[in-house]
PDB file of N, CA and C in Angstrom:
ATOM      1  N   UNK A   1     131.467  17.346  57.157  1.00  0.00           N
ATOM      2  CA  UNK A   1     130.104  17.567  56.691  1.00  0.00           C
ATOM      3  C   UNK A   1     130.165  17.991  55.224  1.00  0.00           C
ATOM      4  N   UNK A   2     129.283  17.445  54.445  1.00  0.00           N
ATOM      5  CA  UNK A   2     129.193  17.757  53.024  1.00  0.00           C
ATOM      6  C   UNK A   2     127.983  18.654  52.805  1.00  0.00           C
ATOM      7  N   UNK A   3     128.134  19.601  51.895  1.00  0.00           N
ATOM      8  CA  UNK A   3     127.050  20.510  51.546  1.00  0.00           C
ATOM      9  C   UNK A   3     126.778  20.419  50.051  1.00  0.00           C
ATOM     10  N   UNK A   4     125.533  20.635  49.677  1.00  0.00           N
ATOM     11  CA  UNK A   4     125.142  20.623  48.269  1.00  0.00           C
ATOM     12  C   UNK A   4     125.812  21.794  47.559  1.00  0.00           C
ATOM     13  N   UNK A   5     126.419  21.533  46.419  1.00  0.00           N
ATOM     14  CA  UNK A   5     127.084  22.590  45.666  1.00  0.00           C
ATOM     15  C   UNK A   5     126.094  23.520  44.981  1.00  0.00           C
ATOM     16  N   UNK A   6     124.834  23.088  44.855  1.00  0.00           N
ATOM     17  CA  UNK A   6     123.828  23.914  44.196  1.00  0.00           C
ATOM     18  C   UNK A   6     123.064  24.800  45.174  1.00  0.00           C
ATOM     19  N   UNK A   7     122.562  24.197  46.292  1.00  0.00           N
ATOM     20  CA  UNK A   7     121.716  24.977  47.207  1.00  0.00           C
ATOM     21  C   UNK A   7     122.322  25.176  48.590  1.00  0.00           C
ATOM     22  N   UNK A   8     123.402  24.454  48.926  1.00  0.00           N
ATOM     23  CA  UNK A   8     124.065  24.619  50.212  1.00  0.00           C
ATOM     24  C   UNK A   8     123.475  23.797  51.350  1.00  0.00           C
ATOM     25  N   UNK A   9     122.520  22.918  51.076  1.00  0.00           N
ATOM     26  CA  UNK A   9     121.903  22.100  52.120  1.00  0.00           C
ATOM     27  C   UNK A   9     122.910  21.074  52.650  1.00  0.00           C
ATOM     28  N   UNK A  10     122.780  20.728  53.934  1.00  0.00           N
ATOM     29  CA  UNK A  10     123.647  19.717  54.531  1.00  0.00           C
ATOM     30  C   UNK A  10     123.294  18.347  53.964  1.00  0.00           C
ATOM     31  N   UNK A  11     124.330  17.560  53.682  1.00  0.00           N
ATOM     32  CA  UNK A  11     124.159  16.231  53.120  1.00  0.00           C
ATOM     33  C   UNK A  11     124.928  15.222  53.957  1.00  0.00           C
ATOM     34  N   UNK A  12     124.527  13.971  53.911  1.00  0.00           N
ATOM     35  CA  UNK A  12     125.300  12.922  54.559  1.00  0.00           C
ATOM     36  C   UNK A  12     126.243  12.306  53.527  1.00  0.00           C
ATOM     37  N   UNK A  13     127.202  11.520  54.019  1.00  0.00           N
ATOM     38  CA  UNK A  13     128.198  10.908  53.134  1.00  0.00           C
ATOM     39  C   UNK A  13     127.575   9.957  52.116  1.00  0.00           C
ATOM     40  N   UNK A  14     126.428   9.361  52.465  1.00  0.00           N
ATOM     41  CA  UNK A  14     125.800   8.355  51.607  1.00  0.00           C
ATOM     42  C   UNK A  14     124.875   8.933  50.547  1.00  0.00           C
ATOM     43  N   UNK A  15     124.519  10.207  50.657  1.00  0.00           N
ATOM     44  CA  UNK A  15     123.563  10.809  49.730  1.00  0.00           C
ATOM     45  C   UNK A  15     124.098  10.834  48.310  1.00  0.00           C
ATOM     46  N   UNK A  16     123.239  10.488  47.380  1.00  0.00           N
ATOM     47  CA  UNK A  16     123.581  10.579  45.958  1.00  0.00           C
ATOM     48  C   UNK A  16     122.922  11.789  45.319  1.00  0.00           C
ATOM     49  N   UNK A  17     121.805  12.221  45.936  1.00  0.00           N
ATOM     50  CA  UNK A  17     121.086  13.406  45.465  1.00  0.00           C
ATOM     51  C   UNK A  17     120.771  14.284  46.665  1.00  0.00           C
ATOM     52  N   UNK A  18     120.711  15.585  46.461  1.00  0.00           N
ATOM     53  CA  UNK A  18     120.349  16.530  47.516  1.00  0.00           C
ATOM     54  C   UNK A  18     118.863  16.366  47.829  1.00  0.00           C
ATOM     55  N   UNK A  19     118.534  16.248  49.112  1.00  0.00           N
ATOM     56  CA  UNK A  19     117.130  16.081  49.501  1.00  0.00           C
ATOM     57  C   UNK A  19     116.351  17.392  49.371  1.00  0.00           C
ATOM     58  N   UNK A  20     117.055  18.530  49.330  1.00  0.00           N
ATOM     59  CA  UNK A  20     116.379  19.821  49.220  1.00  0.00           C
ATOM     60  C   UNK A  20     116.090  20.220  47.775  1.00  0.00           C
ATOM     61  N   UNK A  21     117.095  20.062  46.889  1.00  0.00           N
ATOM     62  CA  UNK A  21     116.903  20.540  45.517  1.00  0.00           C
ATOM     63  C   UNK A  21     116.969  19.438  44.461  1.00  0.00           C
ATOM     64  N   UNK A  22     117.405  18.237  44.840  1.00  0.00           N
ATOM     65  CA  UNK A  22     117.449  17.127  43.893  1.00  0.00           C
ATOM     66  C   UNK A  22     118.694  17.057  43.035  1.00  0.00           C
ATOM     67  N   UNK A  23     119.642  17.941  43.252  1.00  0.00           N
ATOM     68  CA  UNK A  23     120.869  17.951  42.450  1.00  0.00           C
ATOM     69  C   UNK A  23     121.714  16.720  42.770  1.00  0.00           C
ATOM     70  N   UNK A  24     122.392  16.140  41.761  1.00  0.00           N
ATOM     71  CA  UNK A  24     123.269  15.005  42.040  1.00  0.00           C
ATOM     72  C   UNK A  24     124.443  15.456  42.909  1.00  0.00           C
ATOM     73  N   UNK A  25     124.853  14.603  43.839  1.00  0.00           N
ATOM     74  CA  UNK A  25     125.960  14.901  44.739  1.00  0.00           C
ATOM     75  C   UNK A  25     127.236  14.342  44.129  1.00  0.00           C
ATOM     76  N   UNK A  26     128.238  15.187  43.990  1.00  0.00           N
ATOM     77  CA  UNK A  26     129.499  14.761  43.405  1.00  0.00           C
ATOM     78  C   UNK A  26     130.346  14.041  44.449  1.00  0.00           C
ATOM     79  N   UNK A  27     131.058  13.032  44.016  1.00  0.00           N
ATOM     80  CA  UNK A  27     131.953  12.278  44.886  1.00  0.00           C
ATOM     81  C   UNK A  27     133.234  13.096  45.087  1.00  0.00           C
ATOM     82  N   UNK A  28     133.785  13.076  46.314  1.00  0.00           N
ATOM     83  CA  UNK A  28     135.022  13.786  46.616  1.00  0.00           C
ATOM     84  C   UNK A  28     136.179  12.800  46.502  1.00  0.00           C
ATOM     85  N   UNK A  29     137.170  13.145  45.701  1.00  0.00           N
ATOM     86  CA  UNK A  29     138.348  12.318  45.491  1.00  0.00           C
ATOM     87  C   UNK A  29     139.541  13.033  46.098  1.00  0.00           C
ATOM     88  N   UNK A  30     140.353  12.296  46.875  1.00  0.00           N
ATOM     89  CA  UNK A  30     141.536  12.883  47.504  1.00  0.00           C
ATOM     90  C   UNK A  30     142.790  12.449  46.770  1.00  0.00           C
ATOM     91  N   UNK A  31     143.714  13.400  46.637  1.00  0.00           N
ATOM     92  CA  UNK A  31     144.998  13.158  45.982  1.00  0.00           C
ATOM     93  C   UNK A  31     146.071  13.759  46.880  1.00  0.00           C
ATOM     94  N   UNK A  32     147.181  13.070  47.073  1.00  0.00           N
ATOM     95  CA  UNK A  32     148.254  13.572  47.922  1.00  0.00           C
ATOM     96  C   UNK A  32     149.486  13.854  47.077  1.00  0.00           C
ATOM     97  N   UNK A  33     150.054  15.044  47.259  1.00  0.00           N
ATOM     98  CA  UNK A  33     151.213  15.481  46.480  1.00  0.00           C
ATOM     99  C   UNK A  33     152.312  15.881  47.452  1.00  0.00           C
ATOM    100  N   UNK A  34     153.524  15.388  47.254  1.00  0.00           N
ATOM    101  CA  UNK A  34     154.669  15.801  48.061  1.00  0.00           C
ATOM    102  C   UNK A  34     155.398  16.920  47.332  1.00  0.00           C
ATOM    103  N   UNK A  35     155.693  17.989  48.058  1.00  0.00           N
ATOM    104  CA  UNK A  35     156.405  19.126  47.470  1.00  0.00           C
ATOM    105  C   UNK A  35     157.452  19.632  48.453  1.00  0.00           C
ATOM    106  N   UNK A  36     158.471  20.272  47.920  1.00  0.00           N
ATOM    107  CA  UNK A  36     159.455  20.920  48.783  1.00  0.00           C
ATOM    108  C   UNK A  36     158.894  22.272  49.198  1.00  0.00           C
ATOM    109  N   UNK A  37     159.439  22.829  50.253  1.00  0.00           N
ATOM    110  CA  UNK A  37     158.933  24.116  50.743  1.00  0.00           C
ATOM    111  C   UNK A  37     159.140  25.226  49.713  1.00  0.00           C
ATOM    112  N   UNK A  38     160.146  25.079  48.851  1.00  0.00           N
ATOM    113  CA  UNK A  38     160.398  26.085  47.817  1.00  0.00           C
ATOM    114  C   UNK A  38     159.265  26.159  46.796  1.00  0.00           C
ATOM    115  N   UNK A  39     158.601  25.034  46.542  1.00  0.00           N
ATOM    116  CA  UNK A  39     157.548  24.967  45.529  1.00  0.00           C
ATOM    117  C   UNK A  39     156.147  25.000  46.111  1.00  0.00           C
ATOM    118  N   UNK A  40     156.024  25.107  47.433  1.00  0.00           N
ATOM    119  CA  UNK A  40     154.727  24.995  48.095  1.00  0.00           C
ATOM    120  C   UNK A  40     153.736  26.048  47.624  1.00  0.00           C
ATOM    121  N   UNK A  41     154.108  27.296  47.655  1.00  0.00           N
ATOM    122  CA  UNK A  41     153.181  28.385  47.300  1.00  0.00           C
ATOM    123  C   UNK A  41     152.768  28.301  45.838  1.00  0.00           C
ATOM    124  N   UNK A  42     153.717  28.045  44.959  1.00  0.00           N
ATOM    125  CA  UNK A  42     153.395  27.963  43.530  1.00  0.00           C
ATOM    126  C   UNK A  42     152.454  26.799  43.232  1.00  0.00           C
ATOM    127  N   UNK A  43     152.675  25.669  43.902  1.00  0.00           N
ATOM    128  CA  UNK A  43     151.824  24.505  43.663  1.00  0.00           C
ATOM    129  C   UNK A  43     150.408  24.770  44.167  1.00  0.00           C
ATOM    130  N   UNK A  44     150.269  25.416  45.332  1.00  0.00           N
ATOM    131  CA  UNK A  44     148.942  25.731  45.857  1.00  0.00           C
ATOM    132  C   UNK A  44     148.233  26.726  44.942  1.00  0.00           C
ATOM    133  N   UNK A  45     148.939  27.730  44.455  1.00  0.00           N
ATOM    134  CA  UNK A  45     148.332  28.687  43.505  1.00  0.00           C
ATOM    135  C   UNK A  45     147.829  27.956  42.256  1.00  0.00           C
ATOM    136  N   UNK A  46     148.647  27.049  41.761  1.00  0.00           N
ATOM    137  CA  UNK A  46     148.273  26.269  40.574  1.00  0.00           C
ATOM    138  C   UNK A  46     147.009  25.441  40.836  1.00  0.00           C
ATOM    139  N   UNK A  47     146.950  24.812  42.001  1.00  0.00           N
ATOM    140  CA  UNK A  47     145.782  23.998  42.352  1.00  0.00           C
ATOM    141  C   UNK A  47     144.525  24.842  42.501  1.00  0.00           C
ATOM    142  N   UNK A  48     144.656  26.029  43.097  1.00  0.00           N
ATOM    143  CA  UNK A  48     143.506  26.902  43.292  1.00  0.00           C
ATOM    144  C   UNK A  48     142.925  27.393  41.973  1.00  0.00           C
ATOM    145  N   UNK A  49     143.779  27.504  40.951  1.00  0.00           N
ATOM    146  CA  UNK A  49     143.292  27.974  39.660  1.00  0.00           C
ATOM    147  C   UNK A  49     142.569  26.882  38.873  1.00  0.00           C
ATOM    148  N   UNK A  50     142.706  25.635  39.318  1.00  0.00           N
ATOM    149  CA  UNK A  50     141.928  24.557  38.709  1.00  0.00           C
ATOM    150  C   UNK A  50     140.504  24.687  39.231  1.00  0.00           C
ATOM    151  N   UNK A  51     139.529  24.398  38.466  1.00  0.00           N
ATOM    152  CA  UNK A  51     138.153  24.635  38.874  1.00  0.00           C
ATOM    153  C   UNK A  51     137.530  23.597  39.780  1.00  0.00           C
ATOM    154  N   UNK A  52     138.064  22.379  39.822  1.00  0.00           N
ATOM    155  CA  UNK A  52     137.381  21.309  40.530  1.00  0.00           C
ATOM    156  C   UNK A  52     137.933  21.019  41.923  1.00  0.00           C
ATOM    157  N   UNK A  53     138.825  21.837  42.451  1.00  0.00           N
ATOM    158  CA  UNK A  53     139.399  21.634  43.779  1.00  0.00           C
ATOM    159  C   UNK A  53     138.463  22.234  44.824  1.00  0.00           C
ATOM    160  N   UNK A  54     138.098  21.441  45.844  1.00  0.00           N
ATOM    161  CA  UNK A  54     137.194  21.927  46.884  1.00  0.00           C
ATOM    162  C   UNK A  54     137.906  22.271  48.182  1.00  0.00           C
ATOM    163  N   UNK A  55     139.036  21.615  48.451  1.00  0.00           N
ATOM    164  CA  UNK A  55     139.778  21.913  49.666  1.00  0.00           C
ATOM    165  C   UNK A  55     141.220  21.481  49.489  1.00  0.00           C
ATOM    166  N   UNK A  56     142.133  22.255  50.087  1.00  0.00           N
ATOM    167  CA  UNK A  56     143.555  21.945  50.058  1.00  0.00           C
ATOM    168  C   UNK A  56     144.027  21.878  51.504  1.00  0.00           C
ATOM    169  N   UNK A  57     144.703  20.778  51.850  1.00  0.00           N
ATOM    170  CA  UNK A  57     145.231  20.594  53.199  1.00  0.00           C
ATOM    171  C   UNK A  57     146.739  20.449  53.084  1.00  0.00           C
ATOM    172  N   UNK A  58     147.473  21.279  53.832  1.00  0.00           N
ATOM    173  CA  UNK A  58     148.931  21.219  53.839  1.00  0.00           C
ATOM    174  C   UNK A  58     149.356  20.519  55.126  1.00  0.00           C
ATOM    175  N   UNK A  59     150.174  19.465  54.970  1.00  0.00           N
ATOM    176  CA  UNK A  59     150.663  18.690  56.116  1.00  0.00           C
ATOM    177  C   UNK A  59     152.184  18.684  56.118  1.00  0.00           C
ATOM    178  N   UNK A  60     152.772  18.487  57.323  1.00  0.00           N
ATOM    179  CA  UNK A  60     154.219  18.328  57.389  1.00  0.00           C
ATOM    180  C   UNK A  60     154.585  16.869  57.135  1.00  0.00           C
ATOM    181  N   UNK A  61     155.890  16.550  57.228  1.00  0.00           N
ATOM    182  CA  UNK A  61     156.348  15.183  56.953  1.00  0.00           C
ATOM    183  C   UNK A  61     155.736  14.156  57.902  1.00  0.00           C
ATOM    184  N   UNK A  62     155.428  14.566  59.127  1.00  0.00           N
ATOM    185  CA  UNK A  62     154.855  13.654  60.123  1.00  0.00           C
ATOM    186  C   UNK A  62     153.354  13.455  59.930  1.00  0.00           C
ATOM    187  N   UNK A  63     152.735  14.221  59.039  1.00  0.00           N
ATOM    188  CA  UNK A  63     151.303  14.095  58.782  1.00  0.00           C
ATOM    189  C   UNK A  63     150.450  15.062  59.576  1.00  0.00           C
ATOM    190  N   UNK A  64     151.081  15.969  60.317  1.00  0.00           N
ATOM    191  CA  UNK A  64     150.339  16.973  61.096  1.00  0.00           C
ATOM    192  C   UNK A  64     149.798  18.049  60.155  1.00  0.00           C
ATOM    193  N   UNK A  65     148.512  18.377  60.311  1.00  0.00           N
ATOM    194  CA  UNK A  65     147.887  19.392  59.461  1.00  0.00           C
ATOM    195  C   UNK A  65     148.410  20.768  59.852  1.00  0.00           C
ATOM    196  N   UNK A  66     148.986  21.474  58.882  1.00  0.00           N
ATOM    197  CA  UNK A  66     149.510  22.807  59.119  1.00  0.00           C
ATOM    198  C   UNK A  66     148.541  23.897  58.678  1.00  0.00           C
ATOM    199  N   UNK A  67     147.779  23.622  57.615  1.00  0.00           N
ATOM    200  CA  UNK A  67     146.862  24.619  57.069  1.00  0.00           C
ATOM    201  C   UNK A  67     145.800  23.931  56.226  1.00  0.00           C
ATOM    202  N   UNK A  68     144.554  24.380  56.362  1.00  0.00           N
ATOM    203  CA  UNK A  68     143.456  23.922  55.506  1.00  0.00           C
ATOM    204  C   UNK A  68     142.907  25.125  54.768  1.00  0.00           C
ATOM    205  N   UNK A  69     142.793  24.995  53.464  1.00  0.00           N
ATOM    206  CA  UNK A  69     142.280  26.089  52.635  1.00  0.00           C
ATOM    207  C   UNK A  69     141.001  25.617  51.953  1.00  0.00           C
ATOM    208  N   UNK A  70     139.856  26.214  52.288  1.00  0.00           N
ATOM    209  CA  UNK A  70     138.633  25.886  51.557  1.00  0.00           C
ATOM    210  C   UNK A  70     138.687  26.566  50.194  1.00  0.00           C
ATOM    211  N   UNK A  71     138.692  25.789  49.142  1.00  0.00           N
ATOM    212  CA  UNK A  71     138.849  26.338  47.791  1.00  0.00           C
ATOM    213  C   UNK A  71     137.511  26.368  47.082  1.00  0.00           C
ATOM    214  N   UNK A  72     136.647  27.254  47.508  1.00  0.00           N
ATOM    215  CA  UNK A  72     135.345  27.376  46.877  1.00  0.00           C
ATOM    216  C   UNK A  72     135.474  28.102  45.549  1.00  0.00           C
ATOM    217  N   UNK A  73     134.480  27.959  44.716  1.00  0.00           N
ATOM    218  CA  UNK A  73     134.483  28.610  43.421  1.00  0.00           C
ATOM    219  C   UNK A  73     134.526  30.123  43.618  1.00  0.00           C
ATOM    220  N   UNK A  74     135.420  30.789  42.935  1.00  0.00           N
ATOM    221  CA  UNK A  74     135.501  32.238  43.002  1.00  0.00           C
ATOM    222  C   UNK A  74     136.460  32.758  44.050  1.00  0.00           C
ATOM    223  N   UNK A  75     137.268  31.896  44.668  1.00  0.00           N
ATOM    224  CA  UNK A  75     138.231  32.365  45.658  1.00  0.00           C
ATOM    225  C   UNK A  75     139.469  32.889  44.921  1.00  0.00           C
ATOM    226  N   UNK A  76     139.592  34.191  44.872  1.00  0.00           N
ATOM    227  CA  UNK A  76     140.693  34.811  44.144  1.00  0.00           C
ATOM    228  C   UNK A  76     141.128  36.091  44.836  1.00  0.00           C
ATOM    229  N   UNK A  77     142.212  36.642  44.372  1.00  0.00           N
ATOM    230  CA  UNK A  77     142.657  37.970  44.775  1.00  0.00           C
ATOM    231  C   UNK A  77     142.825  38.180  46.256  1.00  0.00           C
ATOM    232  N   UNK A  78     142.157  39.193  46.779  1.00  0.00           N
ATOM    233  CA  UNK A  78     142.303  39.617  48.165  1.00  0.00           C
ATOM    234  C   UNK A  78     141.902  38.513  49.132  1.00  0.00           C
ATOM    235  N   UNK A  79     140.939  37.695  48.766  1.00  0.00           N
ATOM    236  CA  UNK A  79     140.462  36.628  49.646  1.00  0.00           C
ATOM    237  C   UNK A  79     141.550  35.598  49.894  1.00  0.00           C
ATOM    238  N   UNK A  80     142.381  35.346  48.910  1.00  0.00           N
ATOM    239  CA  UNK A  80     143.408  34.315  49.040  1.00  0.00           C
ATOM    240  C   UNK A  80     144.717  34.839  49.622  1.00  0.00           C
ATOM    241  N   UNK A  81     144.922  36.137  49.680  1.00  0.00           N
ATOM    242  CA  UNK A  81     146.170  36.711  50.165  1.00  0.00           C
ATOM    243  C   UNK A  81     146.554  36.250  51.570  1.00  0.00           C
ATOM    244  N   UNK A  82     145.635  36.216  52.550  1.00  0.00           N
ATOM    245  CA  UNK A  82     146.030  35.734  53.886  1.00  0.00           C
ATOM    246  C   UNK A  82     146.476  34.271  53.884  1.00  0.00           C
ATOM    247  N   UNK A  83     145.857  33.442  53.052  1.00  0.00           N
ATOM    248  CA  UNK A  83     146.252  32.040  52.969  1.00  0.00           C
ATOM    249  C   UNK A  83     147.671  31.912  52.417  1.00  0.00           C
ATOM    250  N   UNK A  84     147.991  32.723  51.425  1.00  0.00           N
ATOM    251  CA  UNK A  84     149.327  32.656  50.833  1.00  0.00           C
ATOM    252  C   UNK A  84     150.381  33.168  51.800  1.00  0.00           C
ATOM    253  N   UNK A  85     150.039  34.162  52.615  1.00  0.00           N
ATOM    254  CA  UNK A  85     150.968  34.646  53.641  1.00  0.00           C
ATOM    255  C   UNK A  85     151.246  33.551  54.664  1.00  0.00           C
ATOM    256  N   UNK A  86     150.212  32.828  55.050  1.00  0.00           N
ATOM    257  CA  UNK A  86     150.386  31.715  55.989  1.00  0.00           C
ATOM    258  C   UNK A  86     151.236  30.612  55.358  1.00  0.00           C
ATOM    259  N   UNK A  87     151.037  30.364  54.078  1.00  0.00           N
ATOM    260  CA  UNK A  87     151.849  29.357  53.385  1.00  0.00           C
ATOM    261  C   UNK A  87     153.317  29.753  53.352  1.00  0.00           C
ATOM    262  N   UNK A  88     153.576  31.048  53.227  1.00  0.00           N
ATOM    263  CA  UNK A  88     154.956  31.530  53.239  1.00  0.00           C
ATOM    264  C   UNK A  88     155.624  31.229  54.567  1.00  0.00           C
ATOM    265  N   UNK A  89     154.906  31.421  55.663  1.00  0.00           N
ATOM    266  CA  UNK A  89     155.443  31.118  56.995  1.00  0.00           C
ATOM    267  C   UNK A  89     155.674  29.614  57.157  1.00  0.00           C
ATOM    268  N   UNK A  90     154.751  28.816  56.651  1.00  0.00           N
ATOM    269  CA  UNK A  90     154.896  27.354  56.725  1.00  0.00           C
ATOM    270  C   UNK A  90     156.106  26.909  55.912  1.00  0.00           C
ATOM    271  N   UNK A  91     156.264  27.479  54.730  1.00  0.00           N
ATOM    272  CA  UNK A  91     157.378  27.120  53.859  1.00  0.00           C
ATOM    273  C   UNK A  91     158.719  27.447  54.516  1.00  0.00           C
ATOM    274  N   UNK A  92     158.758  28.510  55.324  1.00  0.00           N
ATOM    275  CA  UNK A  92     159.994  28.881  56.007  1.00  0.00           C
ATOM    276  C   UNK A  92     160.336  27.886  57.122  1.00  0.00           C
ATOM    277  N   UNK A  93     159.322  27.248  57.705  1.00  0.00           N
ATOM    278  CA  UNK A  93     159.545  26.337  58.829  1.00  0.00           C
ATOM    279  C   UNK A  93     159.718  24.879  58.417  1.00  0.00           C
ATOM    280  N   UNK A  94     159.065  24.459  57.378  1.00  0.00           N
ATOM    281  CA  UNK A  94     159.093  23.052  56.972  1.00  0.00           C
ATOM    282  C   UNK A  94     159.979  22.863  55.755  1.00  0.00           C
ATOM    283  N   UNK A  95     160.673  21.728  55.703  1.00  0.00           N
ATOM    284  CA  UNK A  95     161.521  21.474  54.541  1.00  0.00           C
ATOM    285  C   UNK A  95     160.735  20.794  53.420  1.00  0.00           C
ATOM    286  N   UNK A  96     159.895  19.854  53.789  1.00  0.00           N
ATOM    287  CA  UNK A  96     159.035  19.168  52.822  1.00  0.00           C
ATOM    288  C   UNK A  96     157.618  19.150  53.350  1.00  0.00           C
ATOM    289  N   UNK A  97     156.669  19.217  52.445  1.00  0.00           N
ATOM    290  CA  UNK A  97     155.262  19.209  52.837  1.00  0.00           C
ATOM    291  C   UNK A  97     154.496  18.252  51.943  1.00  0.00           C
ATOM    292  N   UNK A  98     153.341  17.852  52.443  1.00  0.00           N
ATOM    293  CA  UNK A  98     152.409  17.067  51.644  1.00  0.00           C
ATOM    294  C   UNK A  98     151.159  17.905  51.467  1.00  0.00           C
ATOM    295  N   UNK A  99     150.657  17.932  50.262  1.00  0.00           N
ATOM    296  CA  UNK A  99     149.421  18.652  49.965  1.00  0.00           C
ATOM    297  C   UNK A  99     148.361  17.606  49.659  1.00  0.00           C
ATOM    298  N   UNK A 100     147.282  17.636  50.431  1.00  0.00           N
ATOM    299  CA  UNK A 100     146.151  16.757  50.158  1.00  0.00           C
ATOM    300  C   UNK A 100     145.118  17.603  49.428  1.00  0.00           C
ATOM    301  N   UNK A 101     144.769  17.178  48.230  1.00  0.00           N
ATOM    302  CA  UNK A 101     143.842  17.928  47.387  1.00  0.00           C
ATOM    303  C   UNK A 101     142.534  17.162  47.312  1.00  0.00           C
ATOM    304  N   UNK A 102     141.441  17.819  47.674  1.00  0.00           N
ATOM    305  CA  UNK A 102     140.119  17.207  47.534  1.00  0.00           C
ATOM    306  C   UNK A 102     139.466  17.795  46.301  1.00  0.00           C
ATOM    307  N   UNK A 103     139.081  16.918  45.402  1.00  0.00           N
ATOM    308  CA  UNK A 103     138.449  17.330  44.144  1.00  0.00           C
ATOM    309  C   UNK A 103     137.047  16.757  44.073  1.00  0.00           C
ATOM    310  N   UNK A 104     136.194  17.505  43.445  1.00  0.00           N
ATOM    311  CA  UNK A 104     134.824  17.040  43.225  1.00  0.00           C
ATOM    312  C   UNK A 104     134.782  16.305  41.903  1.00  0.00           C
ATOM    313  N   UNK A 105     134.402  15.038  41.974  1.00  0.00           N
ATOM    314  CA  UNK A 105     134.300  14.209  40.768  1.00  0.00           C
ATOM    315  C   UNK A 105     132.856  14.239  40.304  1.00  0.00           C
ATOM    316  N   UNK A 106     132.620  14.795  39.154  1.00  0.00           N
ATOM    317  CA  UNK A 106     131.255  14.892  38.641  1.00  0.00           C
ATOM    318  C   UNK A 106     130.867  13.586  37.973  1.00  0.00           C
ATOM    319  N   UNK A 107     129.699  13.088  38.337  1.00  0.00           N
ATOM    320  CA  UNK A 107     129.201  11.847  37.752  1.00  0.00           C
ATOM    321  C   UNK A 107     127.932  12.149  36.966  1.00  0.00           C
ATOM    322  N   UNK A 108     127.732  11.392  35.933  1.00  0.00           N
ATOM    323  CA  UNK A 108     126.510  11.569  35.155  1.00  0.00           C
ATOM    324  C   UNK A 108     125.332  10.958  35.900  1.00  0.00           C
ATOM    325  N   UNK A 109     124.143  11.355  35.573  1.00  0.00           N
ATOM    326  CA  UNK A 109     122.943  10.835  36.220  1.00  0.00           C
ATOM    327  C   UNK A 109     122.794   9.352  35.919  1.00  0.00           C
ATOM    328  N   UNK A 110     123.200   8.890  34.721  1.00  0.00           N
ATOM    329  CA  UNK A 110     123.110   7.469  34.393  1.00  0.00           C
ATOM    330  C   UNK A 110     123.957   6.642  35.355  1.00  0.00           C
ATOM    331  N   UNK A 111     125.163   7.120  35.680  1.00  0.00           N
ATOM    332  CA  UNK A 111     126.047   6.401  36.608  1.00  0.00           C
ATOM    333  C   UNK A 111     125.416   6.366  37.987  1.00  0.00           C
ATOM    334  N   UNK A 112     124.841   7.471  38.442  1.00  0.00           N
ATOM    335  CA  UNK A 112     124.221   7.525  39.757  1.00  0.00           C
ATOM    336  C   UNK A 112     123.028   6.585  39.859  1.00  0.00           C
ATOM    337  N   UNK A 113     122.253   6.480  38.796  1.00  0.00           N
ATOM    338  CA  UNK A 113     121.068   5.640  38.820  1.00  0.00           C
ATOM    339  C   UNK A 113     121.405   4.159  38.741  1.00  0.00           C
ATOM    340  N   UNK A 114     122.511   3.798  38.109  1.00  0.00           N
ATOM    341  CA  UNK A 114     122.921   2.405  37.977  1.00  0.00           C
ATOM    342  C   UNK A 114     123.424   1.828  39.287  1.00  0.00           C
ATOM    343  N   UNK A 115     124.042   2.664  40.142  1.00  0.00           N
ATOM    344  CA  UNK A 115     124.632   2.146  41.385  1.00  0.00           C
ATOM    345  C   UNK A 115     123.675   2.195  42.549  1.00  0.00           C
TER     346      UNK A 115
END
C-alpha cells in the first residue's frame, strides 16, 4: 500500500496525484545491492542517511526476507537502534546479503501531466 508523503492518505499504485490533497505522487524505484555480512550495518547506516530512501529490505542469498526497515524521514538515533541490533544478529548468521533499497523518485508536474 502506498501513502501520500504530504498528507498520509492511502493511494493506489496507478495514482499520479493524491485524491485528498492533490500532491504529486512520487514513483518508487528499487535498487538491489549485494554486500558481505561485514559491511551490512555500515551500508544500511549509509543508506538511511540519504534522504530519498523509503524502505530497506535485507535478504539472504536465497532471497528470503530477513528484515524490513521503514526509512521514513527523521528516523535517527534511538529509533534506529533496535534495527541495527537486529542487523548485527543477521550479519552474524549470514555470509552474504542483498539489500533492496526503495527510493522515492521525484517527478516534476510537467512530466506527470505529459504522461
